Structure formats: C-alpha cells, structure tokens
N, C-alpha and C. Protein backbone atom coordinates (compact mmCIF):
# COMPACT_ATOMS: atom_id res chain seq x y z
N MET A 1 0.83 -1.19 0.00
CA MET A 1 0.00 0.00 0.00
C MET A 1 0.87 1.26 0.00
N LEU A 2 1.84 1.28 0.91
CA LEU A 2 2.70 2.45 0.99
C LEU A 2 3.56 2.58 -0.26
N LYS A 3 3.95 1.43 -0.83
CA LYS A 3 4.74 1.44 -2.06
C LYS A 3 3.96 2.11 -3.19
N ASN A 4 2.67 1.81 -3.31
CA ASN A 4 1.84 2.42 -4.35
C ASN A 4 1.69 3.91 -4.15
N VAL A 5 1.57 4.35 -2.90
CA VAL A 5 1.45 5.78 -2.61
C VAL A 5 2.73 6.50 -3.00
N VAL A 6 3.88 5.91 -2.67
CA VAL A 6 5.17 6.53 -3.02
C VAL A 6 5.31 6.61 -4.54
N ILE A 7 4.94 5.56 -5.24
CA ILE A 7 5.02 5.57 -6.70
C ILE A 7 4.09 6.63 -7.28
N ALA A 8 2.88 6.76 -6.72
CA ALA A 8 1.94 7.77 -7.22
C ALA A 8 2.47 9.17 -6.98
N VAL A 9 3.07 9.43 -5.83
CA VAL A 9 3.63 10.76 -5.55
C VAL A 9 4.79 11.06 -6.49
N LEU A 10 5.67 10.09 -6.70
CA LEU A 10 6.79 10.31 -7.62
C LEU A 10 6.32 10.56 -9.05
N LEU A 11 5.30 9.82 -9.47
CA LEU A 11 4.76 10.06 -10.82
C LEU A 11 4.12 11.45 -10.92
N ALA A 12 3.43 11.88 -9.87
CA ALA A 12 2.82 13.21 -9.89
C ALA A 12 3.89 14.30 -9.97
N ILE A 13 4.97 14.13 -9.21
CA ILE A 13 6.07 15.11 -9.26
C ILE A 13 6.72 15.13 -10.63
N LEU A 14 6.97 13.94 -11.18
CA LEU A 14 7.60 13.86 -12.50
C LEU A 14 6.72 14.47 -13.58
N LEU A 15 5.42 14.15 -13.56
CA LEU A 15 4.51 14.69 -14.57
C LEU A 15 4.36 16.21 -14.44
N SER A 16 4.27 16.70 -13.22
CA SER A 16 4.11 18.15 -13.05
C SER A 16 5.37 18.89 -13.47
N TYR A 17 6.55 18.34 -13.16
CA TYR A 17 7.78 19.00 -13.56
C TYR A 17 7.93 19.00 -15.08
N THR A 18 7.67 17.85 -15.70
CA THR A 18 7.83 17.79 -17.15
C THR A 18 6.79 18.65 -17.86
N MET A 19 5.57 18.70 -17.32
CA MET A 19 4.56 19.56 -17.95
C MET A 19 4.96 21.03 -17.83
N GLY A 20 5.45 21.42 -16.66
CA GLY A 20 5.89 22.81 -16.49
C GLY A 20 7.05 23.16 -17.39
N TYR A 21 7.99 22.25 -17.53
CA TYR A 21 9.13 22.49 -18.40
C TYR A 21 8.71 22.56 -19.86
N ALA A 22 7.85 21.64 -20.27
CA ALA A 22 7.41 21.61 -21.66
C ALA A 22 6.63 22.86 -22.01
N VAL A 23 5.74 23.28 -21.15
CA VAL A 23 4.94 24.48 -21.44
C VAL A 23 5.83 25.70 -21.48
N SER A 24 6.77 25.80 -20.55
CA SER A 24 7.64 26.97 -20.50
C SER A 24 8.62 27.00 -21.67
N ASP A 25 9.17 25.87 -22.03
CA ASP A 25 10.22 25.84 -23.05
C ASP A 25 9.67 25.74 -24.47
N TRP A 26 8.77 24.81 -24.71
CA TRP A 26 8.29 24.57 -26.06
C TRP A 26 7.35 25.66 -26.55
N PHE A 27 6.40 26.03 -25.72
CA PHE A 27 5.39 26.97 -26.16
C PHE A 27 5.69 28.41 -25.78
N ASP A 28 6.80 28.63 -25.11
CA ASP A 28 7.25 29.95 -24.70
C ASP A 28 6.14 30.68 -23.93
N MET A 29 5.51 29.94 -23.03
CA MET A 29 4.47 30.54 -22.19
C MET A 29 5.11 30.97 -20.89
N ARG A 30 4.71 32.12 -20.39
CA ARG A 30 5.24 32.67 -19.15
C ARG A 30 4.09 33.16 -18.30
N ILE A 31 4.29 33.14 -17.00
CA ILE A 31 3.32 33.72 -16.08
C ILE A 31 3.74 35.15 -15.80
N GLN A 32 2.81 36.07 -15.95
CA GLN A 32 3.11 37.48 -15.77
C GLN A 32 2.21 38.05 -14.68
N LEU A 33 2.84 38.65 -13.67
CA LEU A 33 2.11 39.27 -12.58
C LEU A 33 2.55 40.73 -12.47
N ASP A 34 1.60 41.64 -12.54
CA ASP A 34 1.86 43.07 -12.38
C ASP A 34 2.95 43.56 -13.36
N ASN A 35 2.78 43.19 -14.60
CA ASN A 35 3.69 43.58 -15.70
C ASN A 35 5.12 43.09 -15.49
N GLN A 36 5.31 42.07 -14.70
CA GLN A 36 6.63 41.46 -14.54
C GLN A 36 6.51 39.99 -14.89
N VAL A 37 7.42 39.55 -15.74
CA VAL A 37 7.43 38.14 -16.12
C VAL A 37 8.16 37.37 -15.03
N LEU A 38 7.52 36.33 -14.55
CA LEU A 38 8.16 35.52 -13.51
C LEU A 38 9.29 34.70 -14.11
N GLU A 39 10.25 34.38 -13.27
CA GLU A 39 11.39 33.60 -13.75
C GLU A 39 10.93 32.19 -14.13
N PRO A 40 11.71 31.50 -14.95
CA PRO A 40 11.27 30.19 -15.47
C PRO A 40 10.97 29.15 -14.38
N VAL A 41 11.75 29.16 -13.30
CA VAL A 41 11.51 28.15 -12.26
C VAL A 41 10.16 28.41 -11.58
N THR A 42 9.86 29.66 -11.30
CA THR A 42 8.57 29.99 -10.70
C THR A 42 7.44 29.69 -11.67
N SER A 43 7.68 29.95 -12.93
CA SER A 43 6.68 29.65 -13.95
C SER A 43 6.43 28.15 -14.02
N MET A 44 7.50 27.35 -13.97
CA MET A 44 7.33 25.90 -13.98
C MET A 44 6.57 25.43 -12.74
N LEU A 45 6.84 26.03 -11.60
CA LEU A 45 6.11 25.65 -10.39
C LEU A 45 4.63 25.97 -10.53
N GLY A 46 4.32 27.11 -11.13
CA GLY A 46 2.92 27.48 -11.33
C GLY A 46 2.20 26.51 -12.26
N PHE A 47 2.83 26.22 -13.40
CA PHE A 47 2.23 25.26 -14.32
C PHE A 47 2.20 23.85 -13.72
N GLY A 48 3.21 23.52 -12.94
CA GLY A 48 3.22 22.22 -12.26
C GLY A 48 2.10 22.11 -11.25
N LEU A 49 1.82 23.20 -10.54
CA LEU A 49 0.71 23.21 -9.59
C LEU A 49 -0.62 23.00 -10.31
N VAL A 50 -0.76 23.63 -11.46
CA VAL A 50 -1.98 23.43 -12.27
C VAL A 50 -2.08 21.96 -12.71
N ALA A 51 -0.95 21.37 -13.09
CA ALA A 51 -0.96 19.96 -13.51
C ALA A 51 -1.35 19.05 -12.36
N VAL A 52 -0.82 19.31 -11.16
CA VAL A 52 -1.16 18.49 -10.00
C VAL A 52 -2.64 18.62 -9.66
N ILE A 53 -3.18 19.81 -9.72
CA ILE A 53 -4.61 20.02 -9.44
C ILE A 53 -5.45 19.28 -10.47
N LEU A 54 -5.08 19.34 -11.74
CA LEU A 54 -5.82 18.62 -12.78
C LEU A 54 -5.72 17.10 -12.59
N MET A 55 -4.56 16.61 -12.18
CA MET A 55 -4.42 15.17 -11.92
C MET A 55 -5.28 14.74 -10.73
N MET A 56 -5.34 15.57 -9.69
CA MET A 56 -6.17 15.23 -8.54
C MET A 56 -7.64 15.21 -8.92
N ILE A 57 -8.07 16.16 -9.73
CA ILE A 57 -9.46 16.18 -10.19
C ILE A 57 -9.75 14.94 -11.04
N GLY A 58 -8.83 14.57 -11.93
CA GLY A 58 -9.00 13.36 -12.74
C GLY A 58 -9.06 12.11 -11.89
N PHE A 59 -8.23 12.02 -10.85
CA PHE A 59 -8.24 10.87 -9.96
C PHE A 59 -9.57 10.78 -9.21
N ILE A 60 -10.06 11.91 -8.72
CA ILE A 60 -11.33 11.92 -8.00
C ILE A 60 -12.47 11.50 -8.92
N VAL A 61 -12.48 12.01 -10.14
CA VAL A 61 -13.53 11.65 -11.09
C VAL A 61 -13.46 10.17 -11.43
N ALA A 62 -12.25 9.65 -11.68
CA ALA A 62 -12.10 8.23 -12.02
C ALA A 62 -12.55 7.33 -10.88
N VAL A 63 -12.14 7.66 -9.66
CA VAL A 63 -12.52 6.85 -8.51
C VAL A 63 -14.02 6.93 -8.27
N SER A 64 -14.59 8.11 -8.43
CA SER A 64 -16.03 8.23 -8.18
C SER A 64 -16.84 7.49 -9.25
N VAL A 65 -16.38 7.52 -10.49
CA VAL A 65 -17.09 6.80 -11.56
C VAL A 65 -17.01 5.29 -11.30
N VAL A 66 -15.84 4.79 -10.93
CA VAL A 66 -15.69 3.37 -10.64
C VAL A 66 -16.53 3.00 -9.43
N GLY A 67 -16.54 3.86 -8.41
CA GLY A 67 -17.35 3.61 -7.23
C GLY A 67 -18.83 3.55 -7.55
N VAL A 68 -19.29 4.46 -8.39
CA VAL A 68 -20.71 4.46 -8.78
C VAL A 68 -21.06 3.19 -9.56
N VAL A 69 -20.17 2.76 -10.43
CA VAL A 69 -20.44 1.54 -11.21
C VAL A 69 -20.51 0.33 -10.28
N PHE A 70 -19.54 0.21 -9.35
CA PHE A 70 -19.58 -0.91 -8.41
C PHE A 70 -20.82 -0.86 -7.53
N PHE A 71 -21.20 0.33 -7.07
CA PHE A 71 -22.39 0.46 -6.23
C PHE A 71 -23.64 0.07 -7.01
N ALA A 72 -23.74 0.47 -8.27
CA ALA A 72 -24.91 0.14 -9.09
C ALA A 72 -25.00 -1.37 -9.32
N VAL A 73 -23.86 -2.02 -9.60
CA VAL A 73 -23.87 -3.47 -9.81
C VAL A 73 -24.24 -4.19 -8.51
N PHE A 74 -23.70 -3.74 -7.38
CA PHE A 74 -24.03 -4.34 -6.09
C PHE A 74 -25.51 -4.16 -5.77
N ALA A 75 -26.06 -2.97 -6.03
CA ALA A 75 -27.47 -2.71 -5.77
C ALA A 75 -28.36 -3.57 -6.67
N ALA A 76 -27.96 -3.79 -7.90
CA ALA A 76 -28.73 -4.64 -8.81
C ALA A 76 -28.75 -6.08 -8.31
N PHE A 77 -27.59 -6.60 -7.88
CA PHE A 77 -27.56 -7.97 -7.36
C PHE A 77 -28.39 -8.12 -6.09
N VAL A 78 -28.30 -7.15 -5.18
CA VAL A 78 -29.11 -7.22 -3.96
C VAL A 78 -30.59 -7.15 -4.31
N GLY A 79 -30.95 -6.30 -5.25
CA GLY A 79 -32.35 -6.21 -5.67
C GLY A 79 -32.87 -7.50 -6.27
N LEU A 80 -32.06 -8.14 -7.11
CA LEU A 80 -32.47 -9.42 -7.69
C LEU A 80 -32.58 -10.52 -6.63
N PHE A 81 -31.67 -10.51 -5.65
CA PHE A 81 -31.73 -11.49 -4.57
C PHE A 81 -33.01 -11.32 -3.75
N VAL A 82 -33.33 -10.08 -3.39
CA VAL A 82 -34.54 -9.82 -2.61
C VAL A 82 -35.78 -10.15 -3.44
N LEU A 83 -35.75 -9.84 -4.72
CA LEU A 83 -36.87 -10.19 -5.60
C LEU A 83 -37.06 -11.71 -5.66
N GLY A 84 -35.97 -12.45 -5.75
CA GLY A 84 -36.05 -13.90 -5.77
C GLY A 84 -36.61 -14.46 -4.47
N LEU A 85 -36.14 -13.91 -3.34
CA LEU A 85 -36.68 -14.36 -2.06
C LEU A 85 -38.16 -14.02 -1.94
N GLY A 86 -38.55 -12.87 -2.39
CA GLY A 86 -39.95 -12.46 -2.31
C GLY A 86 -40.85 -13.32 -3.17
N ALA A 87 -40.34 -13.77 -4.30
CA ALA A 87 -41.16 -14.55 -5.21
C ALA A 87 -41.22 -16.03 -4.80
N PHE A 88 -40.15 -16.56 -4.24
CA PHE A 88 -40.08 -18.00 -4.00
C PHE A 88 -40.11 -18.38 -2.52
N TRP A 89 -40.44 -17.45 -1.60
CA TRP A 89 -40.40 -17.80 -0.19
C TRP A 89 -41.42 -18.88 0.19
N PRO A 90 -42.59 -18.95 -0.43
CA PRO A 90 -43.48 -20.06 -0.05
C PRO A 90 -42.90 -21.43 -0.39
N MET A 91 -42.25 -21.53 -1.55
CA MET A 91 -41.65 -22.81 -1.94
C MET A 91 -40.47 -23.15 -1.02
N LEU A 92 -39.69 -22.16 -0.66
CA LEU A 92 -38.58 -22.41 0.26
C LEU A 92 -39.08 -22.85 1.63
N LEU A 93 -40.16 -22.24 2.11
CA LEU A 93 -40.75 -22.63 3.39
C LEU A 93 -41.29 -24.06 3.33
N LEU A 94 -41.96 -24.39 2.24
CA LEU A 94 -42.50 -25.74 2.08
C LEU A 94 -41.37 -26.77 2.02
N ALA A 95 -40.29 -26.46 1.31
CA ALA A 95 -39.15 -27.37 1.23
C ALA A 95 -38.52 -27.56 2.60
N ALA A 96 -38.41 -26.50 3.39
CA ALA A 96 -37.84 -26.61 4.74
C ALA A 96 -38.71 -27.48 5.63
N VAL A 97 -40.05 -27.34 5.54
CA VAL A 97 -40.97 -28.16 6.35
C VAL A 97 -40.87 -29.62 5.94
N VAL A 98 -40.82 -29.90 4.64
CA VAL A 98 -40.72 -31.28 4.16
C VAL A 98 -39.41 -31.91 4.64
N ILE A 99 -38.32 -31.19 4.54
CA ILE A 99 -37.02 -31.72 4.99
C ILE A 99 -37.06 -31.96 6.49
N TRP A 100 -37.69 -31.07 7.25
CA TRP A 100 -37.78 -31.22 8.70
C TRP A 100 -38.59 -32.46 9.07
N LEU A 101 -39.67 -32.73 8.33
CA LEU A 101 -40.51 -33.89 8.63
C LEU A 101 -39.88 -35.21 8.20
N VAL A 102 -39.12 -35.20 7.12
CA VAL A 102 -38.60 -36.43 6.55
C VAL A 102 -37.22 -36.80 7.10
N LYS A 103 -36.51 -35.88 7.69
CA LYS A 103 -35.14 -36.15 8.09
C LYS A 103 -35.07 -37.31 9.09
N ASP A 104 -33.99 -38.02 9.08
CA ASP A 104 -33.80 -39.21 9.89
C ASP A 104 -33.54 -38.79 11.34
N LYS A 105 -34.39 -39.23 12.24
CA LYS A 105 -34.24 -38.89 13.65
C LYS A 105 -33.54 -40.04 14.36
N SER A 106 -32.48 -39.72 15.03
CA SER A 106 -31.74 -40.77 15.75
C SER A 106 -32.41 -40.97 17.13
N GLN A 107 -32.61 -42.24 17.48
CA GLN A 107 -33.22 -42.55 18.77
C GLN A 107 -32.19 -43.21 19.66
N SER A 108 -32.19 -42.79 20.91
CA SER A 108 -31.25 -43.39 21.85
C SER A 108 -31.87 -44.65 22.46
N ALA A 109 -31.06 -45.70 22.64
CA ALA A 109 -31.59 -46.96 23.12
C ALA A 109 -31.39 -47.11 24.61
C-alpha cells in the first residue's frame, strides 16, 4: 500500500515537472504578474501546480465513476436477490418443512 502511494507521488512530481518544463520551453508561455514576467523556475512551479490540481481532479472523477459503477452493480444484485426471495419464499418454506418432517431422527436406546 505504501509502495503504491510513493510511486503515485513520484509520478505526480515527475509529470508536473515535465509539464511545467514543456509548457515553459516549447510553447514559450510565461506567467506574468503586475507587468513582470516571472522567472522560469517559478513559472514551472505554477504550471506544475496546475498539472497536480488537474491530476487530482482526474483521480477523484475516475474513482467516483468506478465507485458508482460498483455500487450500481451491487445494488442490482441485492435487488435481484430480494426479488427472488420475495417470489419464492413459499416454496422455500415448504421445502424446509418437508425436509424437517422427513429427516432421519436418531433414537437413543
């Protein structure tokens, strides 16, 4: 579990750094505050922060979608089980009574 968390954090750092570098270098995009262009490292940190926020939003959406799908499948199975019990409970009761009456009773001598 901890190994997966460490791998996820390292991947997030790597992706945010490379995204910040790529945006700053390839597309010549800069962050400008109050008519001053921020230095490249600060610019990369800003774009990296945006990348981390977008990755967190994507993770939350993916987990919630998977959770909703699992919950819907579980609810469908529970509904079918309850429907089956509701429809066949008289037969199940009759089978239990027949088994109770017919079962072999041991007598002590």
